[in-house]
Protein backbone atom coordinates (compact mmCIF):
# COMPACT_ATOMS: atom_id res chain seq x y z
CA MET A 1 153.41 138.16 121.22
CA ASP A 2 156.73 136.33 120.82
CA ARG A 3 156.53 133.68 123.24
CA GLU A 4 154.65 130.54 124.51
CA TRP A 5 151.83 131.19 126.63
CA SER A 6 151.91 129.73 130.07
CA LEU A 7 149.37 127.13 131.12
CA ALA A 8 148.09 129.75 133.71
CA GLU A 9 147.35 132.47 131.08
CA LEU A 10 145.53 130.15 128.54
CA ALA A 11 143.57 128.71 131.81
CA ALA A 12 142.63 132.57 132.60
CA ALA A 13 141.74 133.04 128.77
CA TYR A 14 139.61 130.07 128.31
CA ALA A 15 138.37 130.04 131.75
CA TYR A 16 134.41 128.94 131.87
CA PRO A 17 131.83 131.49 132.98
CA ALA A 18 131.35 132.55 136.53
CA PRO A 19 127.93 130.80 137.96
CA ALA A 20 124.88 132.54 137.87
CA PRO A 21 123.14 133.41 141.09
CA GLY A 22 121.08 130.34 141.95
CA GLY A 23 124.04 127.97 140.98
CA PRO A 24 125.94 127.11 138.05
CA ARG A 25 124.10 125.96 134.83
CA PRO A 26 125.70 123.37 132.06
CA TRP A 27 128.02 125.17 129.59
CA LEU A 28 128.84 123.40 126.55
CA ARG A 29 131.91 124.18 124.51
CA ALA A 30 133.45 122.54 121.60
CA ASN A 31 137.12 122.22 120.46
CA MET A 32 137.77 121.69 116.66
CA VAL A 33 140.61 122.48 114.41
CA SER A 34 140.29 123.08 110.78
CA SER A 35 142.64 123.62 107.69
CA LEU A 36 142.32 126.62 105.96
CA ASP A 37 140.20 124.90 103.39
CA GLY A 38 137.71 123.63 105.82
CA ALA A 39 139.06 120.21 106.60
CA ALA A 40 138.72 118.66 110.10
CA GLN A 41 140.85 115.86 109.49
CA HIS A 42 143.24 114.42 106.99
CA GLU A 43 143.44 110.91 106.38
CA GLY A 44 140.49 110.37 109.13
CA ARG A 45 142.47 112.06 112.30
CA SER A 46 143.00 115.70 113.26
CA GLN A 47 146.76 115.28 114.52
CA PRO A 48 148.17 116.36 111.08
CA ILE A 49 146.59 119.46 111.02
CA SER A 50 147.25 120.38 114.70
CA SER A 51 150.32 121.97 116.23
CA ALA A 52 151.99 122.17 119.55
CA ALA A 53 150.14 124.99 120.84
CA ASP A 54 147.05 123.61 119.88
CA MET A 55 147.78 120.70 121.89
CA ARG A 56 148.86 122.86 124.61
CA ILE A 57 145.09 124.39 124.37
CA PHE A 58 143.36 121.03 124.08
CA GLY A 59 145.00 120.07 127.01
CA THR A 60 144.09 123.23 129.16
CA LEU A 61 140.46 122.86 127.91
CA ARG A 62 140.33 119.19 129.02
CA ALA A 63 142.03 120.90 132.46
CA LEU A 64 138.91 123.07 132.87
CA ALA A 65 136.17 120.92 131.90
CA ASP A 66 134.05 118.62 134.37
CA VAL A 67 133.63 115.88 131.43
CA VAL A 68 134.79 115.69 127.99
CA VAL A 69 131.81 114.55 125.63
CA VAL A 70 133.18 112.33 122.42
CA GLY A 71 131.44 110.36 119.62
CA ALA A 72 131.83 106.91 119.27
CA GLU A 73 133.43 106.97 116.05
CA THR A 74 135.99 109.56 117.19
CA VAL A 75 136.87 107.33 120.13
CA ARG A 76 137.71 104.73 117.44
CA GLN A 77 139.37 106.91 114.82
CA GLU A 78 141.66 108.82 117.15
CA GLY A 79 142.33 105.99 119.68
CA TYR A 80 141.02 107.70 123.00
CA ARG A 81 142.92 107.24 125.89
CA PRO A 82 141.67 108.27 129.49
CA ALA A 83 142.49 111.64 130.64
CA ARG A 84 145.45 111.99 132.58
CA ALA A 85 146.16 113.75 135.53
CA ARG A 86 148.03 116.97 135.44
CA ALA A 87 150.24 118.26 138.48
CA GLU A 88 150.11 121.82 136.92
CA PHE A 89 146.26 121.84 137.45
CA ALA A 90 145.55 119.72 140.44
CA ALA A 91 145.31 122.86 142.90
CA ALA A 92 142.93 124.71 140.53
CA ARG A 93 140.79 121.77 140.20
CA GLU A 94 140.33 121.18 143.93
CA ALA A 95 139.77 124.31 144.46
CA ALA A 96 136.86 124.23 141.88
CA GLY A 97 135.56 121.04 143.49
CA GLN A 98 136.43 118.85 140.54
CA GLY A 99 138.02 115.28 140.67
CA PRO A 100 141.51 114.75 139.53
CA VAL A 101 140.74 114.62 135.77
CA PRO A 102 137.52 115.13 133.48
CA ALA A 103 135.33 112.31 133.06
CA ILE A 104 135.19 110.99 129.35
CA ALA A 105 131.56 110.56 128.13
CA VAL A 106 131.11 108.79 125.01
CA VAL A 107 128.17 109.12 122.85
CA SER A 108 126.99 105.98 121.45
CA ALA A 109 123.64 103.88 120.26
CA SER A 110 124.90 100.75 119.68
CA LEU A 111 127.60 100.44 122.09
CA GLU A 112 130.07 98.86 119.68
CA LEU A 113 132.94 99.73 121.32
CA ASP A 114 135.99 97.71 122.27
CA PHE A 115 135.96 97.55 125.83
CA THR A 116 139.76 96.56 126.50
CA LEU A 117 140.80 99.56 125.51
CA PRO A 118 142.66 101.97 128.46
CA LEU A 119 139.53 104.29 128.03
CA PHE A 120 137.42 101.81 129.65
CA THR A 121 139.80 99.57 131.94
CA SER A 122 142.38 102.19 133.40
CA PRO A 123 140.76 105.63 133.59
CA LEU A 124 141.15 107.59 136.90
CA VAL A 125 137.20 107.92 136.58
CA PRO A 126 134.77 105.92 135.53
CA THR A 127 134.36 106.37 131.73
CA LEU A 128 130.77 107.38 130.99
CA ILE A 129 128.45 105.88 127.98
CA LEU A 130 125.70 108.13 126.75
CA THR A 131 123.39 106.00 125.06
CA GLY A 132 119.53 105.74 124.55
CA ALA A 133 116.93 103.56 126.55
CA ALA A 134 116.36 101.11 123.77
CA ALA A 135 120.15 99.98 123.57
CA ALA A 136 120.81 96.48 123.37
CA PRO A 137 120.97 94.88 126.98
CA ASP A 138 123.89 92.80 126.31
CA ARG A 139 126.00 95.43 124.93
CA VAL A 140 125.06 97.60 128.10
CA ALA A 141 126.00 94.78 130.37
CA ALA A 142 129.22 94.33 128.43
CA ALA A 143 129.94 98.13 129.21
CA GLU A 144 129.19 97.89 132.65
CA LYS A 145 131.54 94.66 133.48
CA ALA A 146 134.30 96.80 131.79
CA GLY A 147 133.98 99.54 134.30
CA ALA A 148 132.05 101.79 132.25
CA ARG A 149 128.83 103.74 133.65
CA VAL A 150 126.01 103.54 131.03
CA VAL A 151 124.14 106.64 131.13
CA ILE A 152 120.49 106.93 129.78
CA ALA A 153 120.17 109.84 127.73
CA GLY A 154 117.53 109.23 125.24
CA GLU A 155 114.14 107.47 124.63
CA GLY A 156 115.15 105.68 121.56
CA MET A 157 118.26 103.79 120.41
CA GLY A 158 119.93 107.10 119.92
CA VAL A 159 121.03 110.08 122.40
CA GLU A 160 119.06 113.51 122.50
CA PRO A 161 121.51 116.30 122.66
CA ALA A 162 119.59 118.46 125.09
CA ARG A 163 118.61 115.45 127.73
CA ALA A 164 122.44 114.37 127.32
CA VAL A 165 123.48 117.86 128.68
CA GLN A 166 120.71 118.01 131.28
CA THR A 167 121.89 114.30 132.41
CA LEU A 168 125.38 115.25 132.70
CA ALA A 169 124.70 118.73 134.77
CA GLY A 170 122.29 116.42 137.12
CA LEU A 171 125.73 114.18 137.56
CA GLY A 172 127.33 117.32 139.00
CA HIS A 173 129.14 118.02 135.38
CA THR A 174 128.02 121.80 134.34
CA ARG A 175 131.70 122.40 132.54
CA LEU A 176 131.00 120.38 129.38
CA LEU A 177 133.57 120.18 126.80
CA THR A 178 133.20 118.27 123.43
CA GLU A 179 136.01 117.40 121.17
CA GLY A 180 133.43 116.33 118.46
CA GLY A 181 133.69 114.68 115.76
CA PRO A 182 132.14 116.40 113.40
CA ARG A 183 128.61 114.08 113.33
CA LEU A 184 128.23 114.73 117.01
CA LEU A 185 128.90 118.37 116.92
CA GLY A 186 126.14 118.90 114.13
CA GLN A 187 123.95 117.11 116.31
CA LEU A 188 124.74 119.56 118.94
CA ILE A 189 124.70 122.42 116.93
CA ALA A 190 120.94 121.53 115.37
CA ALA A 191 119.45 120.84 118.84
CA GLU A 192 120.66 124.56 119.93
CA VAL A 193 122.66 123.18 123.00
CA LEU A 194 126.14 124.67 122.14
CA ASP A 195 127.46 127.43 124.17
CA GLU A 196 130.67 128.08 122.83
CA LEU A 197 132.82 126.91 120.08
CA CYS A 198 136.92 127.16 120.45
CA LEU A 199 138.11 126.49 116.95
CA THR A 200 141.89 126.14 115.90
CA VAL A 201 142.32 127.36 112.05
CA SER A 202 145.47 125.32 110.56
CA PRO A 203 147.49 127.08 108.11
CA MET A 204 147.46 124.36 105.93
CA LEU A 205 145.60 123.08 102.87
CA THR A 206 144.75 119.45 102.71
CA ALA A 207 142.47 119.59 99.54
CA GLY A 208 140.48 116.05 99.42
CA ASP A 209 137.18 115.19 100.71
CA ALA A 210 137.57 115.70 104.39
CA GLN A 211 134.64 116.38 106.77
CA ARG A 212 134.06 119.69 108.04
CA ILE A 213 134.06 120.52 111.86
CA ALA A 214 130.22 119.69 111.84
CA GLY A 215 128.37 117.50 109.70
CA GLY A 216 124.46 116.28 109.54
CA PRO A 217 121.47 118.18 107.99
CA SER A 218 121.82 121.95 107.74
CA VAL A 219 120.10 124.18 110.38
CA ALA A 220 116.75 125.98 109.34
CA VAL A 221 118.70 129.64 110.06
CA PRO A 222 122.19 129.96 110.72
CA ARG A 223 123.48 130.21 114.41
CA ARG A 224 125.21 133.49 115.06
CA PHE A 225 128.13 133.12 117.61
CA SER A 226 130.20 136.30 118.69
CA LEU A 227 134.11 136.59 118.91
CA VAL A 228 135.45 136.50 122.34
CA SER A 229 139.20 136.41 121.92
CA LEU A 230 141.69 135.30 118.98
CA LEU A 231 145.21 134.14 119.68
CA GLU A 232 147.60 133.47 117.34
CA GLU A 233 150.86 131.43 117.28
CA ASP A 234 153.16 130.08 114.47
CA GLY A 235 150.22 130.95 112.00
CA PHE A 236 147.49 128.94 113.55
CA LEU A 237 144.85 131.33 114.88
CA PHE A 238 142.84 129.96 117.82
CA SER A 239 139.60 131.58 118.27
CA ARG A 240 136.60 131.55 120.68
CA TYR A 241 133.24 132.15 119.82
CA ARG A 242 130.09 132.26 122.06
CA ARG A 243 126.20 131.96 121.08
CA SER A 244 125.00 135.36 120.68
């Protein structure tokens, strides 16, 4: 269609699965963008290979989620800010039993984060930090002093992906969204906890040595996902895949 999709249409197209009998289970989707030649970033950021339509879908996916899970390096590189309330989604979030905005959950082993950033000082709901039980006590104290909620999701220094998903679900966050970065997405894939991938294919070529959307060691057997939907606008493809 040669027109802009409405937010209501996008919300319907990207709706989370209906809860199964016995109550909702966690559903983790990723939202990433890639150039034609496989780059997830240009000069360290995803914005240069994005588009207005991509940002509308980005906002819609956030508005549907209970929590947005993001790696610490992505927070640093992309200048992450708190999720903002959107009047267009307020009624739908209230009807779904959600707060005004999704919480941001930062995955960090070291907790070497700038706690003076708005992400920590002025969110509408407290920012979560997922870390391991062996995290440095002084950094945990600094995070909590800044207003963040530290959540243990691993026995050592790092976060265990499956435990992170279950821990967030235990806090009532069953509609999960991750926006990467590549290292975190690779860990989620390796742990077999990713249910869905929303991938924007940007009609751009960047060359260079930028990361792919997922990094880290390869999995023993490639994971097969099934195409659920495919939208197009201005040459950008917006695909949605689910675990087969």
